Protein backbone atom coordinates (compact mmCIF):
# COMPACT_ATOMS: atom_id res chain seq x y z
CA MET A 1 -17.57 23.59 -11.34
CA ASN A 2 -18.21 26.56 -13.60
CA THR A 3 -14.75 27.01 -15.05
CA ALA A 4 -13.61 27.08 -18.65
CA PRO A 5 -11.52 25.43 -19.79
CA ALA A 6 -11.95 22.46 -17.43
CA PRO A 7 -8.99 21.97 -15.09
CA ARG A 8 -6.65 19.08 -15.72
CA ILE A 9 -6.88 16.96 -12.56
CA ALA A 10 -4.25 14.34 -11.75
CA ILE A 11 -4.81 11.91 -8.88
CA ILE A 12 -1.69 10.09 -7.72
CA GLY A 13 -2.52 6.67 -6.28
CA ALA A 14 -5.12 4.08 -7.25
CA GLY A 15 -6.04 3.02 -3.73
CA PRO A 16 -9.57 3.32 -2.34
CA GLY A 17 -9.20 7.06 -1.73
CA GLY A 18 -7.89 7.97 -5.17
CA LEU A 19 -10.38 5.77 -6.99
CA THR A 20 -13.31 7.04 -4.91
CA CYS A 21 -12.35 10.61 -5.73
CA ALA A 22 -12.14 9.85 -9.46
CA ARG A 23 -15.49 8.02 -9.44
CA ILE A 24 -17.40 10.81 -7.68
CA LEU A 25 -15.83 13.42 -9.95
CA GLN A 26 -16.99 11.41 -12.96
CA GLN A 27 -20.47 11.20 -11.45
CA HIS A 28 -20.49 15.00 -11.66
CA GLY A 29 -19.12 15.19 -15.18
CA ILE A 30 -15.57 16.10 -14.16
CA THR A 31 -12.64 14.33 -15.76
CA ALA A 32 -9.66 13.19 -13.69
CA THR A 33 -6.78 10.88 -14.49
CA VAL A 34 -5.38 8.49 -11.89
CA TYR A 35 -1.68 7.59 -12.02
CA ASP A 36 -0.44 4.54 -10.13
CA ARG A 37 3.01 3.06 -9.68
CA GLU A 38 1.88 -0.55 -10.04
CA SER A 39 2.10 -2.23 -13.45
CA GLY A 40 -1.57 -3.16 -13.42
CA PRO A 41 -4.55 -3.95 -11.18
CA ALA A 42 -3.31 -7.49 -10.49
CA ALA A 43 0.33 -6.55 -9.81
CA ARG A 44 0.16 -7.51 -6.14
CA ASN A 45 -2.14 -8.81 -3.45
CA GLN A 46 -4.17 -5.89 -2.10
CA GLY A 47 -4.10 -7.01 1.52
CA GLY A 48 -6.64 -8.26 4.00
CA THR A 49 -10.18 -7.37 4.88
CA LEU A 50 -11.52 -4.04 6.09
CA ASP A 51 -14.76 -2.69 7.47
CA LEU A 52 -16.52 0.23 5.84
CA HIS A 53 -18.34 2.36 8.38
CA GLU A 54 -21.82 3.75 7.99
CA ASP A 55 -20.70 7.25 8.98
CA ASN A 56 -17.80 7.68 6.55
CA GLY A 57 -16.82 4.94 4.09
CA GLN A 58 -20.42 4.10 3.24
CA ILE A 59 -21.23 7.79 2.77
CA ALA A 60 -18.53 7.93 0.09
CA LEU A 61 -19.87 4.83 -1.64
CA ARG A 62 -23.37 6.29 -1.64
CA GLU A 63 -22.11 9.44 -3.37
CA ALA A 64 -20.24 7.21 -5.80
CA GLY A 65 -23.44 5.33 -6.63
CA LEU A 66 -21.90 2.07 -5.45
CA LEU A 67 -23.48 1.42 -2.06
CA ASP A 68 -25.94 -1.23 -3.28
CA ALA A 69 -23.15 -3.01 -5.14
CA PHE A 70 -21.05 -2.90 -1.98
CA PHE A 71 -23.82 -4.51 0.07
CA ARG A 72 -24.00 -7.33 -2.48
CA LEU A 73 -20.28 -8.00 -2.00
CA CYS A 74 -19.71 -7.35 1.69
CA ARG A 75 -19.86 -9.78 4.62
CA PRO A 76 -22.11 -8.47 7.41
CA GLU A 77 -21.23 -11.56 9.45
CA GLY A 78 -17.64 -10.28 9.42
CA GLN A 79 -18.65 -7.76 12.09
CA GLU A 80 -18.31 -10.58 14.64
CA MET A 81 -15.48 -9.79 17.09
CA ARG A 82 -13.88 -11.95 19.76
CA GLN A 83 -11.46 -10.83 22.49
CA MET A 84 -9.56 -13.61 24.23
CA ASP A 85 -7.33 -13.94 27.26
CA ALA A 86 -3.75 -14.38 26.11
CA ALA A 87 -2.73 -16.75 28.90
CA ASP A 88 -5.53 -19.31 28.74
CA GLY A 89 -7.60 -18.47 25.66
CA THR A 90 -10.76 -17.68 27.62
CA LEU A 91 -13.31 -15.79 25.54
CA LEU A 92 -13.63 -12.44 27.34
CA VAL A 93 -15.86 -10.52 24.93
CA HIS A 94 -17.91 -11.79 22.02
CA HIS A 95 -19.78 -9.37 19.77
CA THR A 96 -22.17 -11.01 17.30
CA PRO A 97 -23.84 -8.68 14.80
CA GLU A 98 -27.61 -8.47 14.89
CA GLU A 99 -29.72 -9.48 11.92
CA GLY A 100 -29.54 -6.73 9.30
CA GLU A 101 -26.70 -4.88 11.07
CA ARG A 102 -24.80 -2.82 8.51
CA PHE A 103 -22.78 -0.41 10.61
CA LYS A 104 -19.39 -1.74 9.45
CA PRO A 105 -19.58 -4.87 7.28
CA GLU A 106 -16.35 -6.40 6.02
CA ILE A 107 -15.04 -6.53 2.47
CA ASP A 108 -11.68 -7.69 1.12
CA ARG A 109 -9.48 -4.81 -0.01
CA GLY A 110 -9.10 -6.42 -3.42
CA ALA A 111 -12.87 -6.70 -3.86
CA LEU A 112 -13.35 -3.04 -2.92
CA ARG A 113 -10.66 -1.95 -5.34
CA ASP A 114 -12.18 -4.04 -8.14
CA LEU A 115 -15.60 -2.49 -7.44
CA LEU A 116 -14.17 1.02 -7.74
CA LEU A 117 -12.03 0.24 -10.79
CA SER A 118 -14.92 -1.32 -12.70
CA SER A 119 -17.03 1.80 -12.08
CA LEU A 120 -14.57 4.15 -13.82
CA LYS A 121 -14.50 5.09 -17.48
CA PRO A 122 -11.91 3.23 -19.60
CA LYS A 123 -8.36 4.62 -19.42
CA THR A 124 -9.06 6.62 -16.27
CA VAL A 125 -6.21 4.82 -14.52
CA ARG A 126 -2.72 4.96 -16.03
CA TRP A 127 -0.66 2.10 -14.64
CA GLY A 128 3.11 1.93 -14.37
CA HIS A 129 3.57 5.62 -13.53
CA ILE A 130 5.99 6.04 -10.62
CA LEU A 131 5.99 9.68 -9.51
CA SER A 132 9.37 11.24 -8.89
CA SER A 133 8.40 14.83 -8.04
CA VAL A 134 5.87 17.61 -8.43
CA GLU A 135 7.38 20.73 -9.98
CA GLY A 136 6.17 24.05 -11.38
CA PRO A 137 4.84 27.28 -9.89
CA THR A 138 2.42 27.23 -6.96
CA THR A 139 -0.21 28.89 -9.13
CA GLY A 140 0.17 26.21 -11.79
CA PRO A 141 0.29 24.49 -14.07
CA ARG A 142 2.17 21.75 -12.22
CA GLN A 143 4.55 19.31 -13.86
CA LEU A 144 4.45 15.71 -12.72
CA HIS A 145 7.81 14.03 -13.27
CA PHE A 146 7.75 10.25 -13.47
CA THR A 147 10.72 7.94 -13.16
CA ASP A 148 10.50 6.81 -16.79
CA GLY A 149 11.12 10.40 -17.93
CA THR A 150 7.48 11.21 -18.66
CA VAL A 151 6.34 14.72 -17.71
CA ILE A 152 2.64 15.52 -17.46
CA GLU A 153 1.03 18.90 -16.79
CA ALA A 154 -1.88 19.30 -14.39
CA ASP A 155 -3.84 22.20 -12.95
CA LEU A 156 -4.61 20.24 -9.77
CA VAL A 157 -2.58 17.42 -8.23
CA ILE A 158 -4.31 15.27 -5.62
CA GLY A 159 -1.97 13.18 -3.49
CA ALA A 160 -3.66 9.88 -2.68
CA ASP A 161 -0.34 8.07 -2.68
CA GLY A 162 -0.21 6.79 0.86
CA ALA A 163 2.23 6.85 3.74
CA TRP A 164 5.34 7.69 1.70
CA SER A 165 3.58 10.21 -0.53
CA LYS A 166 5.70 11.99 -3.12
CA VAL A 167 2.96 14.61 -3.56
CA ARG A 168 3.20 15.51 0.15
CA ARG A 169 6.70 16.86 -0.47
CA ALA A 170 5.17 19.73 -2.47
CA LEU A 171 3.28 20.85 0.64
CA SER A 172 5.06 19.63 3.75
CA ASP A 173 8.43 18.49 5.07
CA ALA A 174 6.75 15.98 7.39
CA THR A 175 7.82 12.35 7.12
CA PRO A 176 6.36 9.27 8.82
CA GLN A 177 8.05 8.17 12.02
CA TYR A 178 8.22 4.64 13.42
CA SER A 179 5.62 4.21 16.15
CA GLY A 180 7.52 1.61 18.19
CA ILE A 181 4.98 -1.05 17.22
CA SER A 182 5.55 -3.61 14.48
CA PHE A 183 3.20 -6.02 12.73
CA LEU A 184 4.27 -9.37 11.35
CA GLU A 185 1.65 -10.65 8.93
CA ALA A 186 0.98 -14.38 8.62
CA TRP A 187 -1.36 -16.07 6.11
CA PHE A 188 -3.43 -19.21 6.55
CA HIS A 189 -5.11 -20.82 3.54
CA ASP A 190 -8.01 -23.31 3.23
CA VAL A 191 -8.51 -22.80 6.94
CA LYS A 192 -11.58 -24.97 7.41
CA ASN A 193 -9.68 -27.99 6.16
CA GLN A 194 -6.04 -27.19 6.88
CA HIS A 195 -6.32 -25.06 10.04
CA PRO A 196 -9.66 -25.97 11.66
CA GLU A 197 -8.56 -25.02 15.20
CA ILE A 198 -7.59 -21.52 14.10
CA ALA A 199 -10.77 -21.18 12.03
CA GLN A 200 -12.82 -22.06 15.09
CA LEU A 201 -10.99 -19.50 17.22
CA VAL A 202 -11.48 -16.68 14.72
CA GLY A 203 -15.07 -17.39 13.75
CA GLN A 204 -16.76 -15.40 10.98
CA GLY A 205 -15.08 -12.08 11.70
CA SER A 206 -12.01 -11.24 13.76
CA ALA A 207 -10.36 -12.28 17.00
CA ALA A 208 -7.78 -10.56 19.19
CA ALA A 209 -5.66 -11.06 22.29
CA ALA A 210 -2.97 -8.94 23.96
CA ASP A 211 -0.78 -8.86 27.07
CA GLY A 212 0.41 -5.24 27.08
CA GLU A 213 3.60 -5.83 25.09
CA ARG A 214 2.45 -8.28 22.43
CA GLY A 215 -0.80 -8.96 20.61
CA LEU A 216 -2.49 -11.03 17.93
CA PHE A 217 -5.22 -9.83 15.60
CA ALA A 218 -6.77 -12.35 13.20
CA GLN A 219 -9.26 -11.70 10.40
CA LEU A 220 -11.26 -14.08 8.27
CA ASN A 221 -10.96 -13.10 4.60
CA SER A 222 -13.07 -14.35 1.74
CA GLY A 223 -12.02 -17.53 0.01
CA ASN A 224 -11.49 -19.41 3.29
CA HIS A 225 -8.34 -17.47 4.19
CA ILE A 226 -7.24 -15.96 7.50
CA ARG A 227 -4.66 -13.23 8.01
CA VAL A 228 -3.03 -12.90 11.39
CA TYR A 229 -1.16 -9.80 12.51
CA ILE A 230 1.45 -10.53 15.17
CA ILE A 231 1.87 -7.25 17.03
CA GLN A 232 4.93 -6.40 19.15
CA ARG A 233 6.54 -3.43 20.84
CA VAL A 234 10.01 -3.87 19.32
CA PRO A 235 12.76 -1.85 17.61
CA GLU A 236 12.11 -1.22 13.94
CA ASP A 237 15.01 -3.48 12.94
CA TRP A 238 14.12 -6.33 15.33
CA ILE A 239 14.50 -9.02 12.66
CA THR A 240 17.91 -7.93 11.40
CA ALA A 241 19.04 -7.21 14.98
CA ALA A 242 18.45 -10.91 15.66
CA GLY A 243 20.71 -11.77 12.73
CA LEU A 244 17.77 -12.88 10.57
CA THR A 245 16.03 -11.97 7.34
CA ILE A 246 12.31 -12.14 6.62
CA GLU A 247 12.96 -15.35 4.65
CA ASP A 248 14.25 -17.16 7.78
CA THR A 249 10.82 -18.55 8.60
CA ALA A 250 11.87 -21.31 10.99
CA ALA A 251 14.18 -19.02 12.98
CA ILE A 252 11.52 -16.28 13.20
CA ARG A 253 9.02 -18.86 14.44
CA ALA A 254 11.44 -19.94 17.16
CA LEU A 255 11.97 -16.32 18.18
CA LEU A 256 8.23 -15.68 18.32
CA LEU A 257 7.62 -18.77 20.43
CA LYS A 258 10.15 -17.42 22.92
CA GLN A 259 8.53 -13.97 22.94
CA PHE A 260 5.02 -15.43 23.36
CA ARG A 261 6.05 -18.25 25.70
CA ASP A 262 3.44 -17.35 28.33
CA TRP A 263 0.55 -17.49 25.88
CA THR A 264 -1.86 -20.39 25.56
CA PRO A 265 -0.86 -23.02 22.96
CA ALA A 266 -4.17 -22.49 21.15
CA LEU A 267 -3.18 -18.92 20.28
CA ARG A 268 0.49 -19.78 19.68
CA ARG A 269 -0.63 -21.78 16.64
CA MET A 270 -1.17 -18.44 14.96
CA LEU A 271 2.57 -17.79 15.30
CA THR A 272 3.81 -21.00 13.79
CA ASP A 273 1.25 -22.76 11.58
CA ASN A 274 1.12 -20.14 8.83
CA ASP A 275 1.46 -20.97 5.15
CA GLY A 276 4.48 -19.35 3.52
CA LEU A 277 6.68 -16.44 4.55
CA TYR A 278 5.88 -13.75 7.07
CA VAL A 279 5.46 -10.12 5.94
CA ASP A 280 7.18 -7.43 8.04
CA ARG A 281 4.99 -4.35 8.54
CA PRO A 282 6.42 -1.74 10.95
CA ILE A 283 3.80 0.85 11.85
CA TYR A 284 4.47 4.52 11.06
CA ALA A 285 2.57 7.72 11.80
CA LEU A 286 2.89 11.36 10.77
CA PRO A 287 3.70 14.03 13.36
CA VAL A 288 0.72 15.42 15.26
CA PRO A 289 -0.72 17.71 14.08
CA HIS A 290 0.08 17.54 10.38
CA THR A 291 -0.96 20.66 8.47
CA TRP A 292 0.30 22.70 5.53
CA ASP A 293 -0.07 26.15 4.05
CA HIS A 294 -2.88 26.29 1.53
CA ASN A 295 -1.79 25.68 -2.04
CA PRO A 296 -4.18 26.33 -4.95
CA THR A 297 -2.85 23.49 -7.11
CA VAL A 298 -1.99 20.62 -4.73
CA THR A 299 -3.83 18.84 -1.93
CA LEU A 300 -3.77 15.51 -0.10
CA LEU A 301 -6.17 12.87 1.11
CA GLY A 302 -5.99 9.70 3.16
CA ASP A 303 -2.66 8.47 4.51
CA ALA A 304 -0.81 11.09 2.48
CA ALA A 305 -2.54 13.71 4.63
CA HIS A 306 -2.95 11.98 7.99
CA LEU A 307 -1.15 8.67 8.42
CA MET A 308 -2.23 7.15 11.73
CA PRO A 309 -1.93 3.82 13.54
CA PRO A 310 -4.16 1.08 12.04
CA LEU A 311 -7.04 1.29 14.48
CA GLY A 312 -9.83 0.86 11.97
CA GLY A 313 -10.25 4.31 10.42
CA GLY A 314 -7.65 4.67 7.67
CA VAL A 315 -9.55 3.58 4.57
CA ASN A 316 -12.81 5.05 5.87
CA LEU A 317 -11.21 8.46 6.42
CA ALA A 318 -9.49 8.31 3.02
CA MET A 319 -12.79 7.60 1.28
CA LEU A 320 -14.57 10.36 3.21
CA ASP A 321 -11.75 12.77 2.28
CA ALA A 322 -12.11 11.72 -1.35
CA CYS A 323 -15.87 12.20 -1.26
CA GLU A 324 -15.70 15.67 0.29
CA LEU A 325 -12.93 16.80 -2.06
CA ALA A 326 -14.78 15.61 -5.15
CA LEU A 327 -18.02 17.27 -4.05
CA ALA A 328 -16.17 20.50 -3.28
CA LEU A 329 -14.68 20.50 -6.79
CA ALA A 330 -18.13 19.85 -8.24
CA HIS A 331 -19.89 22.59 -6.31
CA HIS A 332 -17.39 25.46 -6.14
CA ARG A 333 -16.63 27.99 -8.86
CA THR A 334 -12.85 27.53 -8.84
CA VAL A 335 -10.37 24.86 -7.84
CA ASP A 336 -8.89 27.22 -5.26
CA ASP A 337 -12.30 27.79 -3.64
CA ALA A 338 -12.91 24.04 -3.62
CA LEU A 339 -9.59 23.23 -1.96
CA ARG A 340 -10.13 25.85 0.73
CA ALA A 341 -13.56 24.46 1.54
CA TYR A 342 -12.27 20.86 1.59
CA GLU A 343 -9.23 21.58 3.75
CA LYS A 344 -11.28 23.71 6.15
CA THR A 345 -13.18 20.53 7.09
CA MET A 346 -10.61 17.79 6.47
CA LEU A 347 -7.62 19.21 8.33
CA PRO A 348 -9.38 19.83 11.67
CA ARG A 349 -11.07 16.42 11.46
CA SER A 350 -7.85 14.57 10.73
CA ASN A 351 -5.92 16.51 13.37
CA GLU A 352 -8.58 15.65 15.94
CA MET A 353 -8.27 11.98 15.00
CA GLN A 354 -4.48 12.18 15.12
CA HIS A 355 -4.62 13.65 18.64
CA LEU A 356 -7.05 10.94 19.75
CA LEU A 357 -4.78 8.26 18.33
CA ASP A 358 -1.43 9.84 19.23
CA ASN A 359 0.65 6.90 20.46
CA GLY A 360 -2.44 4.91 19.58
CA ALA A 361 -0.41 2.02 18.22
CA ALA A 362 0.02 1.03 21.86
CA GLU A 363 -3.76 0.55 22.05
CA LEU A 364 -3.27 -2.51 19.85
CA LEU A 365 -1.46 -4.14 22.77
CA SER A 366 -3.87 -3.03 25.48
CA THR A 367 -5.38 -5.63 27.79
CA GLU A 368 -8.43 -3.41 28.38
CA LEU A 369 -11.60 -5.00 27.07
CA PRO A 370 -13.48 -3.30 24.22
CA ASP A 371 -16.91 -1.88 24.94
CA PHE A 372 -19.25 -2.70 22.07
CA ALA A 373 -21.80 0.05 21.61
CA HIS A 374 -25.31 -0.49 20.30
CA ASP A 375 -24.31 0.65 16.83
CA GLY A 376 -21.73 -2.10 16.48
CA THR A 377 -18.65 -0.05 17.19
CA ALA A 378 -15.94 -1.21 19.55
CA THR A 379 -14.12 1.30 21.72
CA ALA A 380 -11.28 0.63 24.12
């Protein structure tokens, strides 16, 4: 970027998208500061495992200079996928990755975040900064107001702050809407010793079953852990409507057993044998399409721009967004030119994906068998 003085770039959100953007900018000699609401990198568990695809997430890691490091950390065997019959547990589809297959190897979210964080210059990420609002004229500079009273000026604000983005409010009135599908997350620890039957069902990657209204999706994580997502078509307040709270583990288990009463006992273990509390995760999506009028000082990436049902593309799209935005900033004369070039590609791509996945949360409950293509992808 041939501008002087250098623009002050603020990235809101230290998830994979925000960190990828900061890393690629630094690779091109451009300084950016990342602000995150969490108190530090170990403030909370980062979630389960994810697959990084060769045609988007891995492209971003290559531009970040981290692809070889990723391959040292990832689990190619995690590409194994099993689809089972809900009623009797019959294995309907079994995809086993070929030797050397790298189309979408698995990595824990925490491991990916640590990889990205360790690649950044010291003090790039400022922890404990909860954004309240983005103020100031459209032409800049922008003022970032944080809840502790801090105000920071920036010439470009990049919203990488997820589903409930505060940066989005500077561009769009759109808010996420409940999809009608809810996840209940269950954790299983030391699975080879404590939950051998479940470990055998899941294998080295993931396993799924569905009956049209309910589903289970299980993933093997590193460290001998399994996360199971119990998927239901229910009202958003289904737990409180039953007179329960998320802490009422025994009562929720009883309710789940009733809901999944026609399922095989082998799969029903995933409802009841978990270690610790459940985690309630209702699924939201942004209206389709989601666009905004061009703004020369604010833009979005990832879920802040195009929140969609969790069908495997979220992190990959966020990292590709981050990569393309960082490269645009590196190769265009002005920030405004860079944002126009980035949004010209990103918005049509994300809107196309949103249309393809409109009401796509229901696909998570589909009884149709996946068709595994030669490149390792699975399509319904």
